[in-house]
Protein backbone atom coordinates (compact mmCIF):
# COMPACT_ATOMS: atom_id res chain seq x y z
CA MET A 1 11.74 -16.89 23.52
CA ASP A 2 11.83 -14.06 21.18
CA LYS A 3 9.73 -14.89 17.65
CA PHE A 4 12.85 -15.67 15.61
CA SER A 5 14.42 -18.05 17.89
CA LYS A 6 10.24 -19.57 17.55
CA ALA A 7 10.66 -19.68 13.96
CA HIS A 8 13.71 -21.00 13.77
CA GLU A 9 12.46 -23.80 16.31
CA LEU A 10 9.35 -24.52 14.25
CA LEU A 11 11.42 -24.41 11.13
CA LYS A 12 14.13 -26.51 11.82
CA GLU A 13 11.94 -29.55 11.02
CA HIS A 14 12.08 -28.45 7.14
CA PHE A 15 14.82 -26.29 6.98
CA ASN A 16 18.29 -26.57 8.85
CA LYS A 17 20.29 -24.28 7.16
CA ASP A 18 21.08 -20.80 8.99
CA ILE A 19 17.59 -18.11 8.28
CA ILE A 20 18.44 -14.99 7.13
CA ILE A 21 16.77 -12.43 9.37
CA ASN A 22 16.02 -8.74 7.62
CA LEU A 23 15.58 -6.36 9.87
CA SER A 24 13.49 -2.46 9.59
CA PRO A 25 13.75 0.20 11.69
CA SER A 26 11.34 0.35 14.71
CA HIS A 27 9.89 3.86 13.66
CA GLY A 28 9.09 5.26 10.39
CA TYR A 29 8.47 2.23 8.43
CA ARG A 30 4.64 2.27 8.27
CA SER A 31 2.87 3.25 4.89
CA ARG A 32 -0.75 2.72 5.77
CA CYS A 33 -2.61 2.92 9.37
CA GLU A 34 -5.84 2.80 10.74
CA PHE A 35 -7.06 4.95 13.47
CA GLY A 36 -10.20 5.53 16.05
CA TYR A 37 -11.33 8.92 16.68
CA ARG A 38 -12.89 9.72 19.86
CA ASN A 39 -12.87 13.11 22.34
CA GLY A 40 -10.58 14.84 19.93
CA TYR A 41 -7.73 12.07 19.88
CA TYR A 42 -6.69 9.24 17.81
CA THR A 43 -7.58 5.86 19.41
CA MET A 44 -5.70 2.72 19.41
CA TYR A 45 -5.96 0.00 21.65
CA ASP A 46 -2.85 -2.62 23.53
CA LYS A 47 -3.47 -6.52 24.10
CA GLU A 48 -5.51 -5.77 27.40
CA SER A 49 -8.27 -3.76 25.21
CA ASN A 50 -7.32 -0.45 27.21
CA ARG A 51 -7.93 2.32 24.69
CA ILE A 52 -4.93 4.85 24.20
CA ASN A 53 -5.17 8.32 23.17
CA LEU A 54 -2.41 9.61 20.41
CA THR A 55 -2.06 12.79 18.65
CA THR A 56 0.62 11.41 16.33
CA PHE A 57 2.20 7.45 15.95
CA GLN A 58 6.27 7.42 15.26
CA VAL A 59 5.33 4.30 13.89
CA ALA A 60 4.24 5.31 10.98
CA ARG A 61 6.25 6.87 8.15
CA PRO A 62 7.62 10.24 8.97
CA ILE A 63 5.06 11.97 6.55
CA ILE A 64 2.18 10.26 7.96
CA SER A 65 3.54 10.89 11.80
CA ASP A 66 4.16 15.07 11.14
CA LEU A 67 0.53 15.56 9.67
CA MET A 68 -1.34 13.80 12.41
CA PRO A 69 -1.21 16.40 14.99
CA LYS A 70 -1.87 18.77 11.96
CA LEU A 71 -4.86 16.95 10.93
CA LEU A 72 -6.11 16.50 14.48
CA ASN A 73 -6.21 20.13 15.42
CA SER A 74 -7.57 20.88 12.42
CA ILE A 75 -10.51 18.50 12.65
CA ASN A 76 -11.22 19.48 16.34
CA ASN A 77 -11.56 22.94 15.30
CA GLU A 78 -14.22 22.11 13.02
CA VAL A 79 -17.81 21.14 14.35
CA GLU A 80 -18.33 19.70 10.62
CA LEU A 81 -15.15 17.58 10.53
CA ASN A 82 -15.23 16.26 13.99
CA ASN A 83 -19.03 15.12 14.83
CA LYS A 84 -19.88 11.44 14.35
CA LEU A 85 -16.66 11.31 12.98
CA PHE A 86 -15.43 7.36 14.20
CA GLN A 87 -12.09 6.64 12.47
CA ILE A 88 -9.26 8.24 10.54
CA ASN A 89 -7.08 6.27 8.00
CA PHE A 90 -3.77 7.08 6.54
CA ARG A 91 -2.03 6.03 3.44
CA THR A 92 1.18 7.13 1.39
CA ASN A 93 3.43 6.52 -0.98
CA SER A 94 7.28 6.56 -2.26
CA CYS A 95 6.87 10.25 -2.93
CA ASN A 96 4.85 11.16 0.04
CA LYS A 97 1.73 11.72 -1.32
CA VAL A 98 -0.89 11.61 1.82
CA LEU A 99 -4.52 9.83 1.27
CA VAL A 100 -6.73 10.47 4.40
CA THR A 101 -10.08 9.00 4.63
CA LEU A 102 -12.75 9.89 7.24
CA ILE A 103 -15.02 7.82 8.13
CA TYR A 104 -18.46 9.05 9.54
CA HIS A 105 -21.51 8.00 11.26
CA LYS A 106 -23.59 10.47 9.49
CA LYS A 107 -24.87 11.37 5.95
CA LEU A 108 -22.16 13.36 4.66
CA ASP A 109 -23.95 17.07 3.04
CA ASP A 110 -22.27 20.01 1.32
CA LYS A 111 -21.40 21.35 4.55
CA ILE A 112 -19.11 18.48 5.52
CA LYS A 113 -17.80 18.52 1.64
CA VAL A 114 -16.83 22.12 1.54
CA GLN A 115 -14.76 21.71 4.70
CA ALA A 116 -12.98 18.72 3.60
CA GLU A 117 -12.13 20.56 0.54
CA CYS A 118 -10.68 23.35 2.64
CA LEU A 119 -8.92 20.54 5.11
CA SER A 120 -7.08 19.38 1.43
CA LYS A 121 -5.98 22.39 -0.05
CA SER A 122 -4.51 23.85 3.61
CA LEU A 123 -2.54 20.39 4.30
CA LYS A 124 -2.04 19.40 0.78
CA ILE A 125 -3.35 16.04 1.44
CA SER A 126 -5.79 14.09 -0.51
CA VAL A 127 -9.30 13.17 1.17
CA ILE A 128 -11.80 10.82 1.07
CA LEU A 129 -15.24 10.89 2.99
CA ARG A 130 -17.31 7.43 4.17
CA SER A 131 -20.39 6.70 5.59
CA LYS A 132 -22.48 4.09 5.21
CA ASN A 133 -23.76 3.81 1.37
CA ASP A 134 -21.93 7.18 0.99
CA ILE A 135 -18.41 8.29 -0.42
CA PHE A 136 -17.15 11.63 -1.32
CA TYR A 137 -13.73 11.78 -3.65
CA LEU A 138 -12.31 14.90 -2.90
CA ASN A 139 -9.19 13.82 -5.38
CA ASP A 140 -8.20 10.59 -7.52
CA ASP A 141 -9.93 7.81 -5.69
CA LEU A 142 -6.46 5.19 -6.38
CA LEU A 143 -3.11 6.62 -4.69
CA GLU A 144 -0.53 5.73 -7.45
CA ASP A 145 2.94 4.52 -6.23
CA HIS A 146 6.12 4.78 -8.54
CA VAL A 147 8.70 1.94 -7.04
CA LYS A 148 11.50 2.94 -8.67
CA SER A 149 13.87 0.51 -7.27
CA LEU A 150 11.16 -2.17 -9.04
CA LYS A 151 10.57 0.14 -12.05
CA THR A 152 7.06 -0.46 -11.87
CA LYS A 153 3.90 1.53 -10.73
CA LEU A 154 1.63 0.32 -7.95
CA TYR A 155 -2.03 1.69 -7.19
CA GLN A 156 -3.77 1.09 -4.25
CA SER A 157 -7.10 2.57 -3.14
CA ASP A 158 -8.17 2.87 1.01
CA GLN A 159 -10.02 -0.49 0.97
CA SER A 160 -7.29 -2.30 -0.86
CA PHE A 161 -4.03 -4.42 0.72
CA TYR A 162 -1.16 -3.08 0.34
CA GLN A 163 2.25 -4.04 2.15
CA PRO A 164 2.54 -1.68 5.20
CA ASN A 165 6.37 -1.75 5.55
CA HIS A 166 7.98 0.85 3.11
CA PHE A 167 11.55 -0.41 4.21
CA HIS A 168 10.83 -3.98 3.29
CA MET A 169 8.14 -4.34 0.01
CA PRO A 170 10.47 -3.88 -2.44
CA GLU A 171 13.40 -6.32 -0.85
CA MET A 172 10.52 -8.94 -0.25
CA VAL A 173 9.93 -8.64 -4.24
CA LYS A 174 13.81 -8.83 -5.11
CA LYS A 175 13.76 -11.76 -2.72
CA VAL A 176 10.99 -13.44 -4.97
CA ILE A 177 13.00 -12.98 -7.93
CA SER A 178 16.39 -14.26 -6.52
CA PHE A 179 14.67 -17.67 -6.18
CA LEU A 180 13.36 -18.01 -9.47
CA GLU A 181 14.87 -20.56 -12.30
CA GLU A 182 13.91 -21.56 -15.64
CA PRO A 183 10.67 -19.34 -15.32
CA ASN A 184 7.98 -19.78 -17.74
CA ASP A 185 4.21 -19.12 -17.00
CA LEU A 186 3.35 -17.68 -13.48
CA LEU A 187 -0.10 -18.31 -11.38
CA GLU A 188 -0.87 -16.17 -8.39
CA LEU A 189 -2.91 -16.61 -5.91
CA TYR A 190 -3.81 -13.87 -3.56
CA CYS A 191 -2.25 -10.97 -5.76
CA GLY A 192 -3.65 -8.14 -4.07
CA SER A 193 -2.90 -4.70 -5.63
CA GLY A 194 -0.28 -6.42 -7.86
CA THR A 195 3.09 -5.99 -5.49
CA PHE A 196 4.74 -9.02 -6.88
CA THR A 197 2.68 -9.44 -9.78
CA PHE A 198 3.69 -6.40 -12.26
CA PRO A 199 7.86 -6.81 -11.00
CA LEU A 200 7.51 -10.61 -11.58
CA SER A 201 5.62 -10.12 -14.68
CA LYS A 202 9.12 -8.97 -16.79
CA TYR A 203 10.30 -12.63 -15.81
CA PHE A 204 7.65 -15.04 -17.00
CA ASN A 205 6.00 -15.31 -20.46
CA LYS A 206 2.71 -15.02 -19.17
CA VAL A 207 1.41 -14.25 -15.58
CA TYR A 208 -2.31 -15.09 -13.94
CA ALA A 209 -3.17 -13.26 -11.92
CA THR A 210 -5.94 -13.63 -8.84
CA GLU A 211 -7.68 -11.79 -6.27
CA ASN A 212 -11.56 -11.61 -4.23
CA ASN A 213 -10.95 -8.07 -3.67
CA ARG A 214 -12.89 -5.91 -5.89
CA GLN A 215 -10.87 -2.64 -5.04
CA SER A 216 -7.38 -4.78 -5.73
CA ILE A 217 -8.83 -6.08 -9.12
CA LYS A 218 -8.97 -1.90 -9.50
CA CYS A 219 -5.73 -1.37 -8.88
CA ILE A 220 -4.04 -4.10 -11.42
CA GLU A 221 -6.46 -2.75 -14.12
CA LYS A 222 -4.98 0.77 -13.64
CA SER A 223 -1.16 -0.37 -13.22
CA ILE A 224 -1.68 -2.75 -16.31
CA ASP A 225 -3.16 0.14 -18.31
CA ALA A 226 -0.40 2.75 -16.91
CA MET A 227 2.45 0.87 -18.20
CA SER A 228 0.59 -1.14 -21.23
CA ILE A 229 1.48 -4.37 -19.80
CA LYS A 230 0.32 -7.47 -22.60
CA ASN A 231 1.53 -10.23 -20.48
CA ILE A 232 -0.87 -10.28 -17.66
CA HIS A 233 -4.32 -11.32 -17.06
CA TYR A 234 -6.62 -11.29 -13.93
CA SER A 235 -9.71 -12.44 -12.58
CA ARG A 236 -11.39 -11.56 -9.48
CA LEU A 237 -11.62 -15.26 -7.65
CA SER A 238 -10.97 -16.67 -4.47
CA ALA A 239 -7.91 -19.13 -4.10
CA ASP A 240 -10.73 -22.14 -3.75
CA GLU A 241 -12.25 -20.93 -6.73
CA ILE A 242 -8.94 -21.30 -8.72
CA SER A 243 -8.60 -24.46 -7.38
CA GLU A 244 -12.23 -25.35 -8.92
CA ALA A 245 -10.79 -23.92 -11.92
CA ILE A 246 -7.83 -25.85 -12.62
CA GLU A 247 -10.17 -29.06 -11.87
CA GLY A 248 -12.00 -27.82 -14.91
CA ARG A 249 -14.65 -25.50 -13.41
CA ILE A 250 -15.72 -22.41 -15.97
CA PHE A 251 -16.61 -18.88 -14.16
CA ARG A 252 -17.72 -15.94 -15.88
CA ARG A 253 -15.45 -13.80 -14.09
CA MET A 254 -12.64 -15.66 -16.02
CA LYS A 255 -13.70 -14.04 -19.28
CA GLY A 256 -12.67 -16.41 -21.50
CA ILE A 257 -9.38 -17.47 -20.22
CA ASP A 258 -8.60 -21.10 -20.61
CA ILE A 259 -6.34 -21.81 -17.43
CA ASN A 260 -5.58 -25.07 -19.97
CA HIS A 261 -3.40 -22.74 -22.35
CA TYR A 262 -0.64 -21.67 -19.25
CA ASN A 263 2.39 -23.78 -19.14
CA PHE A 264 2.66 -22.95 -15.14
CA SER A 265 6.60 -23.40 -14.17
CA HIS A 266 5.63 -21.66 -10.37
CA ILE A 267 2.53 -20.55 -8.53
CA LEU A 268 2.81 -17.74 -5.83
CA VAL A 269 0.57 -17.99 -2.88
CA ASP A 270 0.20 -15.27 -0.40
CA PRO A 271 -2.52 -15.99 2.00
CA PRO A 272 -4.11 -14.30 4.99
CA ARG A 273 -2.55 -15.48 8.24
CA SER A 274 -5.38 -18.10 8.04
CA GLY A 275 -3.12 -19.59 5.53
CA LEU A 276 -4.05 -22.26 2.73
CA THR A 277 -7.59 -23.93 2.34
CA THR A 278 -6.95 -27.62 1.96
CA ASN A 279 -8.29 -27.48 -1.59
CA VAL A 280 -5.68 -24.96 -2.42
CA ILE A 281 -2.95 -27.21 -0.99
CA ASP A 282 -4.22 -29.95 -2.83
CA MET A 283 -3.91 -27.72 -5.99
CA THR A 284 -0.46 -26.23 -5.56
CA LYS A 285 0.58 -29.88 -5.23
CA LYS A 286 -0.01 -29.71 -9.35
CA PHE A 287 3.26 -27.47 -9.43
CA LYS A 288 6.85 -27.99 -9.78
CA ASN A 289 7.90 -24.56 -7.81
CA ILE A 290 5.62 -23.38 -5.04
CA ILE A 291 6.78 -19.69 -3.53
CA TYR A 292 5.12 -19.08 -0.56
CA VAL A 293 4.96 -15.83 1.27
CA SER A 294 3.44 -15.89 4.65
CA CYS A 295 2.54 -13.55 7.58
CA ASN A 296 2.19 -16.36 10.06
CA ILE A 297 4.53 -18.86 11.13
CA GLU A 298 2.05 -21.47 12.26
CA THR A 299 -0.20 -21.81 9.57
CA TYR A 300 2.76 -21.88 7.46
CA ILE A 301 4.77 -24.62 8.83
CA ARG A 302 1.15 -26.37 9.19
CA ASP A 303 0.76 -25.93 5.53
CA VAL A 304 4.40 -26.79 4.68
CA ALA A 305 3.58 -30.27 6.73
CA TYR A 306 0.75 -30.79 4.41
CA LEU A 307 3.13 -30.46 1.27
CA GLU A 308 5.03 -33.34 2.40
CA SER A 309 6.45 -34.24 -1.27
CA TYR A 310 8.11 -30.66 -1.36
CA LYS A 311 11.08 -29.46 0.65
CA ILE A 312 11.82 -25.67 1.66
CA GLN A 313 14.88 -24.55 -1.10
CA ASN A 314 15.08 -21.05 0.21
CA ILE A 315 13.81 -19.42 2.64
CA GLU A 316 14.39 -15.46 4.46
CA ILE A 317 12.58 -13.51 7.38
CA PHE A 318 11.24 -9.88 6.97
CA ASP A 319 10.87 -8.60 10.23
CA GLN A 320 7.92 -6.49 8.81
CA PHE A 321 6.46 -5.29 12.35
CA PRO A 322 9.37 -4.46 14.70
CA ASN A 323 8.72 -4.90 19.00
CA THR A 324 5.51 -7.40 17.83
CA LYS A 325 5.17 -10.85 17.52
CA HIS A 326 4.73 -10.89 13.65
CA LEU A 327 6.76 -11.71 11.28
CA GLU A 328 6.62 -12.20 7.56
CA ILE A 329 7.97 -15.23 5.59
CA VAL A 330 9.45 -15.23 1.98
CA SER A 331 10.12 -18.73 0.94
CA LEU A 332 10.62 -21.52 -2.38
CA LEU A 333 9.27 -25.03 -1.95
CA THR A 334 10.07 -27.39 -4.63
CA GLN A 335 9.56 -30.77 -5.24
CA LYS A 336 11.43 -33.53 -3.21
């Protein structure tokens, strides 16, 4: 049984209509990639934990896959760059600007910084060097992504979550927007760098976005400042902490925000593969409309079953990772 048939089978108890499946190109879609480095090659591991040596990666966006052999050649020919290097990460934006992070098991001395500067200039890329308790930025530490179809500016660091599928990211946001009826205020959990936050802020009176990752909060602050947005407030809080705030607990990280001053018509949750905790599920039951974005069909079905007083009003599947077992669900749940 393929993953789409499996998803239909799991969902039929909760949604008995046809489900639209949004396909992605099988190559050239990933705007974010991470590789090991060993013996002059990029490395990955297959399902049996066998190491695979690579010089390029066709699943990556063309700007990354074309760069990979050139970068590898430059690194392999310079001892300062390849000595004790163990990981190479890539990110790119809509304008094909590339951020490369080189991660080392050694101190970042002046010699390697000079070589990194040469690498950055010769390949026209932004470079970050990392090692334990040390970091060196050659350019801006945040990568700007001007998503024209959403009329928004998003930012990512080399350590923040960012939707990896270049084709599906804006389409998923547009799908959520299509769900909205009578929006008032929005509570968003697991907001990441603001992929949904900023486009949705145009449709809600106020948005309260929460995220536990410091790097993601830094990206949100940058977007708010760059676009002079007034109706988004944010806190570095976990989803479980927000469930406590709803019950009246005050966190200093809320910086005086009174969650009771919002008139929430919707809550948006986009949790990790583990899904929602029991506390968060109980909290979401206080909302009329739940926008649930999930990267794991099993935990999504589990959570929907717990939300017994809600029905799936609308749902679509996005094949964010072609030729893998993974898929993305974008859905709206409303009270029965």
